[in-house]
Amino acid sequence: MILVQTDRDSLLKPLQAVTGIVERRHTLPILSNVLIERQSGTIGLVATDLEIQVTTSAATESPEQKPLAVTVAAKKLQDILRALPEGTGITLETKDGRLVVKAGKSRFSLQTLPSEDFPRLAESTVAEATVTMAQRSLRALLLRVQYAMAQQDIRYYLNGLLIVLEDGSLRVVATDGHRLGYVTQPLDGVSGRQEVILPRKAVLELVKLLSDSDDPVKLELLQNQVRFSFDNVVLISKVIDGKFPDYARVIPTNYTRHFTIDRLLFQQALQRAAILSNEKFRGVRLVMTNGGLRISCTNTEQEEAQEELEIDYTGEALDIGFNVTYLLDVLNNVTTEQIDCAFGDANSSALITIPGDMDFKYVVMPMRI
């Protein structure tokens, strides 16, 4: 029975939108599959890992219109479509528990699993808060702080990103306990306060799927879930149940030592010095004196890299160490020409901001070198 007839690109694009969350090897085999559903004039695609679900659709042609659904290995189908030339006409047929992909003289027979066994996420229906904004705005907010999320921390609430809707603003915060990224943006239609912790995997998937355009994305906070709707994509994610640290207490407010520096110049100097940093600890020393900044890295072979930059710093000399990766992360993800660096003493965190923009803050803890 013919499931769909279309060209390769019309199916590959929506398939790529959902397969990012699919794990190749899973204890539940059907979670490696994508659910393909035919309804009148459209084909729907659904993938899930039981925590996140991505749904999309595409207009297609089919000689038959009655509903039909099947699940098939998502990555294998994607690899097959990618390997075909652009614009190739393809036909998907179901036959004897298999999905047959036909394209010109090519033919692929894939194993399927029953669509009724596919574990959809149970969606909450009532939204506790709803906001709409441009896709590029949400994507930019996520990119500015997502690198500060923890990866596999035992404090599970750090393995995600805090989203706060509060009285006319959307705030996004990430921390792994060693550094913290904070960004906020005014947003119409926000009243009261709502907050959720979005899992790391959902954040990374959103960054990939959101486009750099003014097209809208609707963000809905549901009961224990968040739903993002944009273009033909709906991404639903469970939220992390936990208490996020009090980020306001972490952000310093009274530092008097600071300098403004060209971001690219600072980034390139750190990249060069980091070549000779200790591979395990990745430490870099910053020594500030009147008008100058010395950057140095050493490693276990007693090799040393040193860079000197002119800066607009006046005041008491300061010698402080950091993980160079944490500094490079912020410099790689902020796009402004200049950044402002503020310090307390050698044992206090550093605060990195953007001149004239109080909406972004990055705090990084020092390390002993």
Protein backbone atom coordinates (compact mmCIF):
# COMPACT_ATOMS: atom_id res chain seq x y z
CA MET A 1 0.00 0.00 0.00
CA ILE A 2 1.45 3.36 -1.02
CA LEU A 3 2.06 5.58 2.01
CA VAL A 4 3.35 8.65 0.20
CA GLN A 5 4.70 9.86 -3.14
CA THR A 6 6.81 13.01 -3.08
CA ASP A 7 10.27 14.35 -3.90
CA ARG A 8 13.25 13.63 -1.69
CA ASP A 9 13.62 17.18 -0.29
CA SER A 10 9.96 17.49 0.76
CA LEU A 11 10.38 14.47 3.04
CA LEU A 12 14.01 14.92 4.11
CA LYS A 13 13.56 18.40 5.61
CA PRO A 14 10.75 17.47 8.06
CA LEU A 15 12.48 14.16 8.82
CA GLN A 16 15.68 16.00 9.81
CA ALA A 17 13.63 18.25 12.10
CA VAL A 18 12.48 15.29 14.21
CA THR A 19 15.42 12.87 14.12
CA GLY A 20 17.76 15.04 16.23
CA ILE A 21 16.31 13.63 19.46
CA VAL A 22 16.33 9.98 18.31
CA GLU A 23 18.92 7.71 19.92
CA ARG A 24 20.38 5.02 17.63
CA ARG A 25 20.61 2.45 20.40
CA HIS A 26 17.78 2.29 22.89
CA THR A 27 16.48 -0.25 25.38
CA LEU A 28 13.05 0.31 23.79
CA PRO A 29 13.59 -0.38 20.03
CA ILE A 30 10.58 1.69 18.91
CA LEU A 31 12.23 4.84 20.31
CA SER A 32 14.80 4.56 17.51
CA ASN A 33 11.91 4.86 15.06
CA VAL A 34 10.00 7.79 13.61
CA LEU A 35 6.22 7.60 13.40
CA ILE A 36 4.98 8.46 9.89
CA GLU A 37 1.25 9.23 9.64
CA ARG A 38 -0.68 9.93 6.47
CA GLN A 39 -3.77 12.09 6.69
CA SER A 40 -5.59 13.84 3.85
CA GLY A 41 -3.00 15.79 1.87
CA THR A 42 -0.33 15.79 4.60
CA ILE A 43 2.22 13.50 6.14
CA GLY A 44 2.99 13.85 9.84
CA LEU A 45 6.29 12.81 11.46
CA VAL A 46 6.77 12.24 15.20
CA ALA A 47 9.88 11.30 17.21
CA THR A 48 10.31 10.99 20.98
CA ASP A 49 12.77 9.85 23.65
CA LEU A 50 10.03 9.84 26.34
CA GLU A 51 11.30 13.21 27.67
CA ILE A 52 11.04 15.28 24.48
CA GLN A 53 8.70 14.91 21.51
CA VAL A 54 9.07 16.64 18.14
CA THR A 55 6.23 16.69 15.62
CA THR A 56 6.22 18.14 12.13
CA SER A 57 4.23 17.81 8.91
CA ALA A 58 4.58 18.30 5.17
CA ALA A 59 2.15 18.55 2.28
CA THR A 60 2.42 15.46 0.05
CA GLU A 61 0.67 13.59 -2.71
CA SER A 62 -0.68 10.07 -2.49
CA PRO A 63 -3.06 8.09 -4.68
CA GLU A 64 -4.80 7.01 -1.46
CA GLN A 65 -6.21 9.37 1.14
CA LYS A 66 -7.35 7.18 4.00
CA PRO A 67 -5.25 7.40 7.20
CA LEU A 68 -2.22 5.12 7.42
CA ALA A 69 0.60 5.04 9.96
CA VAL A 70 3.88 3.16 10.36
CA THR A 71 7.11 3.45 12.39
CA VAL A 72 10.53 2.92 10.83
CA ALA A 73 14.19 3.43 11.86
CA ALA A 74 14.59 7.21 11.77
CA LYS A 75 18.35 7.43 11.16
CA LYS A 76 18.33 4.74 8.45
CA LEU A 77 15.54 6.47 6.53
CA GLN A 78 17.33 9.81 6.91
CA ASP A 79 20.63 8.33 5.68
CA ILE A 80 18.90 6.81 2.64
CA LEU A 81 17.21 10.09 1.69
CA ARG A 82 20.44 12.04 2.20
CA ALA A 83 22.30 9.65 -0.11
CA LEU A 84 19.82 10.22 -2.96
CA PRO A 85 20.31 13.09 -5.43
CA GLU A 86 18.38 16.31 -4.78
CA GLY A 87 14.94 16.45 -6.37
CA THR A 88 14.64 12.67 -6.77
CA GLY A 89 11.06 11.44 -6.76
CA ILE A 90 10.45 8.87 -4.03
CA THR A 91 7.65 6.49 -3.09
CA LEU A 92 7.14 4.94 0.35
CA GLU A 93 5.10 1.72 0.39
CA THR A 94 4.06 -0.57 3.23
CA LYS A 95 4.26 -4.26 2.43
CA ASP A 96 4.36 -7.36 4.67
CA GLY A 97 5.54 -5.46 7.76
CA ARG A 98 8.19 -3.56 5.80
CA LEU A 99 8.54 -0.03 4.47
CA VAL A 100 9.81 -0.06 0.89
CA VAL A 101 11.54 3.11 -0.29
CA LYS A 102 11.64 3.44 -4.09
CA ALA A 103 13.64 6.13 -5.89
CA GLY A 104 14.39 5.71 -9.59
CA LYS A 105 16.10 2.31 -9.86
CA SER A 106 16.99 2.25 -6.15
CA ARG A 107 14.95 0.18 -3.72
CA PHE A 108 15.30 -0.16 0.06
CA SER A 109 13.29 -2.45 2.32
CA LEU A 110 13.18 -1.40 5.97
CA GLN A 111 11.79 -3.19 9.00
CA THR A 112 8.79 -1.52 10.70
CA LEU A 113 7.11 -1.69 14.10
CA PRO A 114 3.36 -1.20 14.75
CA SER A 115 2.31 2.46 14.95
CA GLU A 116 -0.07 1.74 17.82
CA ASP A 117 2.94 0.81 19.99
CA PHE A 118 4.56 4.23 19.51
CA PRO A 119 4.76 5.98 22.92
CA ARG A 120 3.51 9.54 22.43
CA LEU A 121 3.98 12.04 25.25
CA ALA A 122 0.75 12.77 27.10
CA GLU A 123 0.28 16.50 26.42
CA SER A 124 -1.01 18.90 29.03
CA THR A 125 -3.86 20.93 27.60
CA VAL A 126 -4.05 24.09 29.72
CA ALA A 127 -1.21 26.60 29.27
CA GLU A 128 -0.21 28.40 32.47
CA ALA A 129 1.56 31.09 30.41
CA THR A 130 1.90 31.80 26.69
CA VAL A 131 4.25 34.23 24.90
CA THR A 132 5.13 34.77 21.25
CA MET A 133 8.39 36.21 19.96
CA ALA A 134 10.64 36.17 16.89
CA GLN A 135 12.57 32.93 16.38
CA ARG A 136 15.87 34.79 16.05
CA SER A 137 15.29 36.52 19.42
CA LEU A 138 14.69 33.26 21.30
CA ARG A 139 17.59 31.56 19.51
CA ALA A 140 19.93 34.45 20.38
CA LEU A 141 18.91 34.29 24.06
CA LEU A 142 19.59 30.55 24.22
CA LEU A 143 22.95 30.86 22.41
CA ARG A 144 24.17 33.53 24.82
CA VAL A 145 23.99 31.25 27.87
CA GLN A 146 23.46 27.58 26.87
CA TYR A 147 27.20 26.76 26.99
CA ALA A 148 27.11 27.38 30.79
CA MET A 149 24.74 24.43 31.41
CA ALA A 150 26.15 21.47 33.30
CA GLN A 151 26.52 18.23 31.32
CA GLN A 152 26.15 15.32 33.73
CA ASP A 153 26.03 16.92 37.15
CA ILE A 154 24.66 14.95 40.08
CA ARG A 155 22.72 18.16 40.84
CA TYR A 156 20.29 17.31 38.04
CA TYR A 157 18.65 20.77 38.07
CA LEU A 158 21.93 22.24 36.71
CA ASN A 159 21.73 20.00 33.59
CA GLY A 160 19.32 22.42 32.00
CA LEU A 161 18.39 26.04 31.51
CA LEU A 162 16.14 28.21 33.68
CA ILE A 163 13.43 30.13 31.82
CA VAL A 164 11.70 32.86 33.84
CA LEU A 165 8.69 34.85 32.66
CA GLU A 166 8.23 37.82 34.96
CA ASP A 167 6.38 41.15 34.57
CA GLY A 168 7.23 42.16 31.02
CA SER A 169 10.44 40.16 30.52
CA LEU A 170 11.82 36.78 29.55
CA ARG A 171 14.93 35.73 31.48
CA VAL A 172 17.24 32.81 30.67
CA VAL A 173 19.88 31.53 33.11
CA ALA A 174 22.38 28.64 32.98
CA THR A 175 25.05 27.53 35.44
CA ASP A 176 27.26 24.51 36.09
CA GLY A 177 28.44 25.73 39.50
CA HIS A 178 31.70 27.17 38.09
CA ARG A 179 30.23 29.88 35.83
CA LEU A 180 26.82 31.43 35.23
CA GLY A 181 25.24 32.98 32.15
CA TYR A 182 22.30 35.38 32.51
CA VAL A 183 20.35 37.21 29.81
CA THR A 184 17.01 38.99 29.85
CA GLN A 185 14.79 40.61 27.22
CA PRO A 186 11.67 42.79 27.52
CA LEU A 187 8.60 40.95 26.27
CA ASP A 188 5.02 42.15 25.91
CA GLY A 189 2.17 40.14 27.38
CA VAL A 190 4.07 38.79 30.39
CA SER A 191 2.46 39.28 33.79
CA GLY A 192 3.07 37.53 37.11
CA ARG A 193 5.94 35.08 37.44
CA GLN A 194 6.42 31.61 35.97
CA GLU A 195 9.64 29.63 35.80
CA VAL A 196 10.72 26.23 34.46
CA ILE A 197 14.00 24.34 34.00
CA LEU A 198 14.29 23.10 30.42
CA PRO A 199 16.50 19.97 29.97
CA ARG A 200 19.85 20.35 28.21
CA LYS A 201 18.87 18.12 25.28
CA ALA A 202 15.73 20.17 24.56
CA VAL A 203 17.76 23.41 24.63
CA LEU A 204 20.36 22.09 22.15
CA GLU A 205 17.61 20.79 19.86
CA LEU A 206 15.78 24.13 19.92
CA VAL A 207 18.96 26.01 18.97
CA LYS A 208 19.27 23.72 15.92
CA LEU A 209 15.62 23.98 14.87
CA LEU A 210 14.92 27.69 15.36
CA SER A 211 15.69 29.83 12.32
CA ASP A 212 17.48 33.17 12.26
CA SER A 213 14.31 34.95 11.13
CA ASP A 214 11.47 37.14 12.39
CA ASP A 215 8.99 34.27 11.99
CA PRO A 216 7.14 33.73 15.27
CA VAL A 217 7.68 31.02 17.87
CA LYS A 218 4.99 30.40 20.49
CA LEU A 219 6.25 29.36 23.93
CA GLU A 220 3.71 27.74 26.25
CA LEU A 221 4.38 26.73 29.85
CA LEU A 222 2.17 23.75 30.65
CA GLN A 223 1.78 21.46 33.66
CA ASN A 224 5.29 19.91 33.95
CA GLN A 225 5.95 20.58 30.23
CA VAL A 226 7.00 23.33 27.84
CA ARG A 227 5.72 23.50 24.26
CA PHE A 228 7.39 25.44 21.43
CA SER A 229 5.44 25.87 18.17
CA PHE A 230 7.09 27.39 15.09
CA ASP A 231 6.94 26.88 11.33
CA ASN A 232 5.52 23.32 11.01
CA VAL A 233 7.32 22.08 14.12
CA VAL A 234 5.97 21.43 17.61
CA LEU A 235 8.56 20.54 20.29
CA ILE A 236 7.25 19.41 23.67
CA SER A 237 9.62 18.77 26.55
CA LYS A 238 9.17 17.63 30.12
CA VAL A 239 10.72 20.04 32.60
CA ILE A 240 13.30 19.29 35.29
CA ASP A 241 11.73 19.17 38.72
CA GLY A 242 14.10 20.93 41.11
CA LYS A 243 15.05 24.23 42.73
CA PHE A 244 17.41 26.31 40.60
CA PRO A 245 20.13 28.20 42.55
CA ASP A 246 19.46 31.83 43.53
CA TYR A 247 21.31 33.37 40.59
CA ALA A 248 20.75 36.96 41.76
CA ARG A 249 23.04 36.33 44.76
CA VAL A 250 25.84 35.09 42.51
CA ILE A 251 25.99 38.17 40.26
CA PRO A 252 28.40 40.77 41.78
CA THR A 253 27.20 44.38 41.92
CA ASN A 254 29.98 46.43 43.55
CA TYR A 255 33.22 45.64 41.72
CA THR A 256 35.53 48.64 41.24
CA ARG A 257 38.33 47.04 39.19
CA HIS A 258 37.38 46.77 35.57
CA PHE A 259 38.52 47.29 32.01
CA THR A 260 36.94 47.29 28.56
CA ILE A 261 38.69 45.28 25.86
CA ASP A 262 38.27 44.39 22.20
CA ARG A 263 36.52 41.01 22.28
CA LEU A 264 38.29 39.56 19.24
CA LEU A 265 41.72 40.69 20.44
CA PHE A 266 41.15 39.10 23.88
CA GLN A 267 39.71 35.92 22.33
CA GLN A 268 42.66 35.42 19.96
CA ALA A 269 45.24 36.06 22.70
CA LEU A 270 43.55 33.48 24.97
CA GLN A 271 43.35 30.95 22.11
CA ARG A 272 47.09 31.27 21.46
CA ALA A 273 48.01 31.04 25.14
CA ALA A 274 45.69 28.05 25.66
CA ILE A 275 47.81 25.96 23.26
CA LEU A 276 50.30 25.50 26.12
CA SER A 277 47.77 25.20 28.94
CA ASN A 278 47.57 22.14 31.18
CA GLU A 279 45.34 19.70 29.27
CA LYS A 280 43.54 18.57 32.41
CA PHE A 281 43.02 21.83 34.32
CA ARG A 282 43.10 24.34 31.42
CA GLY A 283 44.26 27.17 33.69
CA VAL A 284 45.15 30.67 32.50
CA ARG A 285 46.59 33.52 34.60
CA LEU A 286 45.54 37.11 34.06
CA VAL A 287 47.82 39.74 35.58
CA MET A 288 46.46 43.29 35.47
CA THR A 289 48.71 46.29 35.98
CA ASN A 290 48.26 49.95 35.05
CA GLY A 291 47.58 49.99 31.32
CA GLY A 292 48.48 46.34 30.72
CA LEU A 293 47.15 42.79 30.82
CA ARG A 294 49.48 39.79 30.83
CA ILE A 295 47.99 36.40 29.89
CA SER A 296 50.02 33.28 30.66
CA CYS A 297 49.56 29.51 30.50
CA THR A 298 51.91 26.72 31.61
CA ASN A 299 51.76 22.93 31.43
CA THR A 300 53.36 19.89 33.08
CA GLU A 301 56.28 19.96 30.62
CA GLN A 302 57.26 23.41 32.00
CA GLU A 303 56.32 25.04 28.71
CA GLU A 304 54.89 28.54 28.89
CA ALA A 305 52.88 30.87 26.68
CA GLN A 306 52.65 34.59 27.38
CA GLU A 307 50.63 37.35 25.75
CA GLU A 308 50.59 41.07 26.59
CA LEU A 309 47.74 43.43 25.75
CA GLU A 310 47.23 47.14 26.38
CA ILE A 311 44.08 47.86 28.43
CA ASP A 312 42.42 50.87 30.02
CA TYR A 313 43.07 49.65 33.58
CA THR A 314 44.23 51.82 36.45
CA GLY A 315 44.44 50.72 40.03
CA GLU A 316 45.95 48.06 42.23
CA ALA A 317 47.66 45.17 40.43
CA LEU A 318 45.67 41.92 40.33
CA ASP A 319 46.85 38.37 39.61
CA ILE A 320 43.99 35.90 39.11
CA GLY A 321 43.53 32.46 37.51
CA PHE A 322 40.62 31.03 35.47
CA ASN A 323 39.70 28.02 33.40
CA VAL A 324 40.54 29.32 29.92
CA THR A 325 37.70 27.30 28.35
CA TYR A 326 35.15 29.20 30.45
CA LEU A 327 36.52 32.53 29.20
CA LEU A 328 36.65 31.40 25.57
CA ASP A 329 33.07 30.08 25.75
CA VAL A 330 31.64 33.52 26.47
CA LEU A 331 33.91 35.26 23.95
CA ASN A 332 32.87 32.77 21.25
CA ASN A 333 29.15 33.27 21.90
CA VAL A 334 28.92 37.04 22.31
CA THR A 335 28.99 38.98 19.04
CA THR A 336 29.73 42.53 20.24
CA GLU A 337 32.99 44.32 19.41
CA GLN A 338 33.89 45.00 23.03
CA ILE A 339 33.31 43.43 26.43
CA ASP A 340 33.68 44.78 29.96
CA CYS A 341 35.52 42.69 32.60
CA ALA A 342 35.06 43.50 36.30
CA PHE A 343 36.90 41.98 39.29
CA GLY A 344 36.91 41.96 43.08
CA ASP A 345 40.07 40.33 44.44
CA ALA A 346 42.10 37.23 43.50
CA ASN A 347 39.58 34.95 45.25
CA SER A 348 36.41 36.53 43.83
CA SER A 349 34.52 35.73 40.65
CA ALA A 350 34.86 37.85 37.51
CA LEU A 351 31.88 39.57 35.88
CA ILE A 352 31.84 39.89 32.09
CA THR A 353 29.25 42.23 30.55
CA ILE A 354 28.66 44.17 27.35
CA PRO A 355 29.26 47.94 27.47
CA GLY A 356 25.95 49.78 27.48
CA ASP A 357 23.91 46.55 27.76
CA MET A 358 22.83 45.47 31.24
CA ASP A 359 20.70 42.60 29.89
CA PHE A 360 23.64 40.16 29.67
CA LYS A 361 25.91 39.02 32.52
CA TYR A 362 28.45 36.21 32.73
CA VAL A 363 30.04 35.26 36.05
CA VAL A 364 33.06 32.95 36.21
CA MET A 365 34.72 31.62 39.37
CA PRO A 366 38.51 31.87 39.77
CA MET A 367 40.80 28.86 40.06
CA ARG A 368 44.13 28.35 41.80
CA ILE A 369 47.02 27.88 39.38
